[in-house]
Amino acid sequence: MTSTLAKKETVARKWYVIDAAGKPLGRTAVIAANLLRGKHKVDFTPNVDCGDYVIIINTDKAVLTGKKLEQKSYYRVSGWIGGLKETKARIMMENRSDYAVELAVKGMLPKNSIGRNAMTRLHLYKGNEHPHAAQKPEAWTLD
């Protein structure tokens, strides 16, 4: 039995739109990470970047289930002594919901050049509009 392996030169990339309104942030991030990675394709090859472009709209309307709004924290470090900064999930979703989704998707991608290239194909928008209509993106529904 032979296996079909994808080559970087022959990868056909499509555009998908995911609407995050009313959907859990983690489930939206899982679907986006799988599309960016190309795991939904028949000829998925782990060592080849064969993923698609993903547009996520309405990131400000994504929901966090349970007590995550009060208990979850996002951390960043300035590099200085005592420079650890903490932001609660409620504040992050109010002010920078697109960045919260970006962090969730980034954590689900591999930590190598394939993951870094996949992140360049992710486009996040707080509202319902996006400027990628010319690419004719297909709507992807969350199961």
C-alpha atoms as a PDB file:
ATOM      1  CA  MET A   1       0.000   0.000   0.000  1.00  0.00           C
ATOM      2  CA  THR A   2       1.433   3.375  -0.976  1.00  0.00           C
ATOM      3  CA  SER A   3       0.965   6.677   0.769  1.00  0.00           C
ATOM      4  CA  THR A   4       0.363   9.978  -0.941  1.00  0.00           C
ATOM      5  CA  LEU A   5       2.640  12.679   0.453  1.00  0.00           C
ATOM      6  CA  ALA A   6       2.003  16.339  -0.210  1.00  0.00           C
ATOM      7  CA  LYS A   7       4.727  18.566  -1.605  1.00  0.00           C
ATOM      8  CA  LYS A   8       5.092  22.229  -0.801  1.00  0.00           C
ATOM      9  CA  GLU A   9       4.868  23.217  -4.458  1.00  0.00           C
ATOM     10  CA  THR A  10       1.577  21.405  -5.102  1.00  0.00           C
ATOM     11  CA  VAL A  11      -0.413  22.593  -2.074  1.00  0.00           C
ATOM     12  CA  ALA A  12      -3.708  24.260  -3.030  1.00  0.00           C
ATOM     13  CA  ARG A  13      -4.787  26.718  -0.345  1.00  0.00           C
ATOM     14  CA  LYS A  14      -8.385  27.749   0.227  1.00  0.00           C
ATOM     15  CA  TRP A  15      -9.911  30.492   2.368  1.00  0.00           C
ATOM     16  CA  TYR A  16     -12.353  29.764   5.199  1.00  0.00           C
ATOM     17  CA  VAL A  17     -14.431  32.052   7.427  1.00  0.00           C
ATOM     18  CA  ILE A  18     -15.281  31.060  10.985  1.00  0.00           C
ATOM     19  CA  ASP A  19     -17.922  33.026  12.879  1.00  0.00           C
ATOM     20  CA  ALA A  20     -17.052  33.008  16.583  1.00  0.00           C
ATOM     21  CA  ALA A  21     -20.255  34.719  17.764  1.00  0.00           C
ATOM     22  CA  GLY A  22     -21.759  32.758  20.643  1.00  0.00           C
ATOM     23  CA  LYS A  23     -19.253  29.912  20.267  1.00  0.00           C
ATOM     24  CA  PRO A  24     -16.724  28.839  22.911  1.00  0.00           C
ATOM     25  CA  LEU A  25     -13.314  30.380  22.319  1.00  0.00           C
ATOM     26  CA  GLY A  26     -11.476  27.069  22.669  1.00  0.00           C
ATOM     27  CA  ARG A  27     -13.635  25.205  20.168  1.00  0.00           C
ATOM     28  CA  THR A  28     -13.208  28.004  17.659  1.00  0.00           C
ATOM     29  CA  ALA A  29      -9.438  27.889  18.191  1.00  0.00           C
ATOM     30  CA  VAL A  30      -9.319  24.108  17.671  1.00  0.00           C
ATOM     31  CA  ILE A  31     -11.138  24.334  14.337  1.00  0.00           C
ATOM     32  CA  ALA A  32      -8.922  27.228  13.220  1.00  0.00           C
ATOM     33  CA  ALA A  33      -5.731  25.395  14.220  1.00  0.00           C
ATOM     34  CA  ASN A  34      -6.781  22.272  12.313  1.00  0.00           C
ATOM     35  CA  LEU A  35      -7.583  24.315   9.194  1.00  0.00           C
ATOM     36  CA  LEU A  36      -4.303  26.241   9.431  1.00  0.00           C
ATOM     37  CA  ARG A  37      -2.406  22.982   9.834  1.00  0.00           C
ATOM     38  CA  GLY A  38      -4.233  21.214   7.005  1.00  0.00           C
ATOM     39  CA  LYS A  39      -5.424  18.238   9.049  1.00  0.00           C
ATOM     40  CA  HIS A  40      -8.799  18.229   7.299  1.00  0.00           C
ATOM     41  CA  LYS A  41      -7.191  17.394   3.950  1.00  0.00           C
ATOM     42  CA  VAL A  42      -6.839  13.897   2.551  1.00  0.00           C
ATOM     43  CA  ASP A  43      -3.185  14.389   1.650  1.00  0.00           C
ATOM     44  CA  PHE A  44      -2.119  15.818   5.032  1.00  0.00           C
ATOM     45  CA  THR A  45       1.605  15.416   5.574  1.00  0.00           C
ATOM     46  CA  PRO A  46       3.008  16.341   9.018  1.00  0.00           C
ATOM     47  CA  ASN A  47       6.300  17.757   7.744  1.00  0.00           C
ATOM     48  CA  VAL A  48       4.765  19.913   4.975  1.00  0.00           C
ATOM     49  CA  ASP A  49       2.901  23.178   5.492  1.00  0.00           C
ATOM     50  CA  CYS A  50      -0.308  22.264   3.667  1.00  0.00           C
ATOM     51  CA  GLY A  51      -2.848  24.349   5.595  1.00  0.00           C
ATOM     52  CA  ASP A  52      -5.379  26.899   4.445  1.00  0.00           C
ATOM     53  CA  TYR A  53      -6.143  30.543   5.190  1.00  0.00           C
ATOM     54  CA  VAL A  54      -8.539  31.195   8.069  1.00  0.00           C
ATOM     55  CA  ILE A  55     -10.570  34.328   8.823  1.00  0.00           C
ATOM     56  CA  ILE A  56     -12.223  34.520  12.233  1.00  0.00           C
ATOM     57  CA  ILE A  57     -14.909  37.191  12.599  1.00  0.00           C
ATOM     58  CA  ASN A  58     -16.843  38.376  15.671  1.00  0.00           C
ATOM     59  CA  THR A  59     -14.029  37.569  18.079  1.00  0.00           C
ATOM     60  CA  ASP A  60     -15.538  40.041  20.541  1.00  0.00           C
ATOM     61  CA  LYS A  61     -18.660  37.847  20.732  1.00  0.00           C
ATOM     62  CA  ALA A  62     -16.803  34.606  21.548  1.00  0.00           C
ATOM     63  CA  VAL A  63     -17.693  33.188  24.952  1.00  0.00           C
ATOM     64  CA  LEU A  64     -15.648  31.641  27.720  1.00  0.00           C
ATOM     65  CA  THR A  65     -17.470  28.846  29.528  1.00  0.00           C
ATOM     66  CA  GLY A  66     -17.560  28.191  33.247  1.00  0.00           C
ATOM     67  CA  LYS A  67     -15.725  30.600  35.540  1.00  0.00           C
ATOM     68  CA  LYS A  68     -12.951  31.371  33.061  1.00  0.00           C
ATOM     69  CA  LEU A  69     -13.883  35.050  32.813  1.00  0.00           C
ATOM     70  CA  GLU A  70     -13.019  35.516  36.498  1.00  0.00           C
ATOM     71  CA  GLN A  71     -10.344  32.851  37.006  1.00  0.00           C
ATOM     72  CA  LYS A  72      -8.303  32.708  33.780  1.00  0.00           C
ATOM     73  CA  SER A  73      -5.317  35.037  33.492  1.00  0.00           C
ATOM     74  CA  TYR A  74      -3.008  36.007  30.654  1.00  0.00           C
ATOM     75  CA  TYR A  75       0.623  36.686  31.556  1.00  0.00           C
ATOM     76  CA  ARG A  76       3.381  38.597  29.809  1.00  0.00           C
ATOM     77  CA  VAL A  77       6.889  39.526  30.916  1.00  0.00           C
ATOM     78  CA  SER A  78       8.577  42.840  30.186  1.00  0.00           C
ATOM     79  CA  GLY A  79      12.065  41.427  30.729  1.00  0.00           C
ATOM     80  CA  TRP A  80      12.771  43.620  33.720  1.00  0.00           C
ATOM     81  CA  ILE A  81      12.959  42.437  37.320  1.00  0.00           C
ATOM     82  CA  GLY A  82       9.423  42.218  38.658  1.00  0.00           C
ATOM     83  CA  GLY A  83       8.072  42.791  35.161  1.00  0.00           C
ATOM     84  CA  LEU A  84       5.422  40.062  35.194  1.00  0.00           C
ATOM     85  CA  LYS A  85       2.115  41.522  34.020  1.00  0.00           C
ATOM     86  CA  GLU A  86      -1.225  39.796  34.545  1.00  0.00           C
ATOM     87  CA  THR A  87      -4.477  40.453  32.675  1.00  0.00           C
ATOM     88  CA  LYS A  88      -7.750  38.783  33.591  1.00  0.00           C
ATOM     89  CA  ALA A  89      -9.740  37.116  30.834  1.00  0.00           C
ATOM     90  CA  ARG A  90     -12.691  39.492  31.280  1.00  0.00           C
ATOM     91  CA  ILE A  91     -10.472  42.527  30.582  1.00  0.00           C
ATOM     92  CA  MET A  92      -8.755  40.763  27.678  1.00  0.00           C
ATOM     93  CA  MET A  93     -12.059  39.829  26.023  1.00  0.00           C
ATOM     94  CA  GLU A  94     -13.388  43.378  26.416  1.00  0.00           C
ATOM     95  CA  ASN A  95     -10.303  45.178  25.110  1.00  0.00           C
ATOM     96  CA  ARG A  96      -8.310  42.741  22.933  1.00  0.00           C
ATOM     97  CA  SER A  97     -10.534  39.787  22.074  1.00  0.00           C
ATOM     98  CA  ASP A  98      -8.721  39.220  18.789  1.00  0.00           C
ATOM     99  CA  TYR A  99      -5.429  38.800  20.670  1.00  0.00           C
ATOM    100  CA  ALA A 100      -7.028  36.311  23.083  1.00  0.00           C
ATOM    101  CA  VAL A 101      -8.165  34.183  20.130  1.00  0.00           C
ATOM    102  CA  GLU A 102      -4.734  34.535  18.545  1.00  0.00           C
ATOM    103  CA  LEU A 103      -3.048  33.235  21.705  1.00  0.00           C
ATOM    104  CA  ALA A 104      -5.466  30.299  21.859  1.00  0.00           C
ATOM    105  CA  VAL A 105      -4.792  29.305  18.243  1.00  0.00           C
ATOM    106  CA  LYS A 106      -1.040  29.823  18.591  1.00  0.00           C
ATOM    107  CA  GLY A 107      -0.926  27.466  21.570  1.00  0.00           C
ATOM    108  CA  MET A 108      -2.499  24.707  19.467  1.00  0.00           C
ATOM    109  CA  LEU A 109      -0.005  24.915  16.588  1.00  0.00           C
ATOM    110  CA  PRO A 110       3.433  23.291  16.523  1.00  0.00           C
ATOM    111  CA  LYS A 111       6.310  25.336  17.920  1.00  0.00           C
ATOM    112  CA  ASN A 112       8.449  25.335  14.768  1.00  0.00           C
ATOM    113  CA  SER A 113       8.617  27.000  11.357  1.00  0.00           C
ATOM    114  CA  ILE A 114       5.426  25.265  10.198  1.00  0.00           C
ATOM    115  CA  GLY A 115       3.488  26.762  13.109  1.00  0.00           C
ATOM    116  CA  ARG A 116       4.985  30.219  12.570  1.00  0.00           C
ATOM    117  CA  ASN A 117       4.062  30.147   8.870  1.00  0.00           C
ATOM    118  CA  ALA A 118       0.557  28.965   9.723  1.00  0.00           C
ATOM    119  CA  MET A 119       0.044  31.944  12.048  1.00  0.00           C
ATOM    120  CA  THR A 120       0.683  34.305   9.132  1.00  0.00           C
ATOM    121  CA  ARG A 121      -2.391  32.841   7.404  1.00  0.00           C
ATOM    122  CA  LEU A 122      -4.700  33.624  10.345  1.00  0.00           C
ATOM    123  CA  HIS A 123      -6.773  36.806  10.093  1.00  0.00           C
ATOM    124  CA  LEU A 124      -8.820  38.005  13.086  1.00  0.00           C
ATOM    125  CA  TYR A 125     -11.535  40.673  13.166  1.00  0.00           C
ATOM    126  CA  LYS A 126     -13.657  41.928  16.042  1.00  0.00           C
ATOM    127  CA  GLY A 127     -16.611  42.854  13.894  1.00  0.00           C
ATOM    128  CA  ASN A 128     -18.687  41.101  11.272  1.00  0.00           C
ATOM    129  CA  GLU A 129     -16.840  42.614   8.276  1.00  0.00           C
ATOM    130  CA  HIS A 130     -13.529  41.546   6.758  1.00  0.00           C
ATOM    131  CA  PRO A 131     -11.607  42.840   3.707  1.00  0.00           C
ATOM    132  CA  HIS A 132     -11.029  39.407   2.137  1.00  0.00           C
ATOM    133  CA  ALA A 133     -14.155  39.127  -0.025  1.00  0.00           C
ATOM    134  CA  ALA A 134     -12.049  38.988  -3.199  1.00  0.00           C
ATOM    135  CA  GLN A 135     -10.595  35.629  -2.083  1.00  0.00           C
ATOM    136  CA  LYS A 136     -14.125  34.132  -1.994  1.00  0.00           C
ATOM    137  CA  PRO A 137     -13.840  32.473   1.440  1.00  0.00           C
ATOM    138  CA  GLU A 138     -16.111  29.578   2.326  1.00  0.00           C
ATOM    139  CA  ALA A 139     -18.034  29.575   5.598  1.00  0.00           C
ATOM    140  CA  TRP A 140     -16.918  26.838   8.007  1.00  0.00           C
ATOM    141  CA  THR A 141     -19.486  25.834  10.591  1.00  0.00           C
ATOM    142  CA  LEU A 142     -18.479  24.590  14.009  1.00  0.00           C
ATOM    143  CA  ASP A 143     -19.754  21.092  14.654  1.00  0.00           C
END
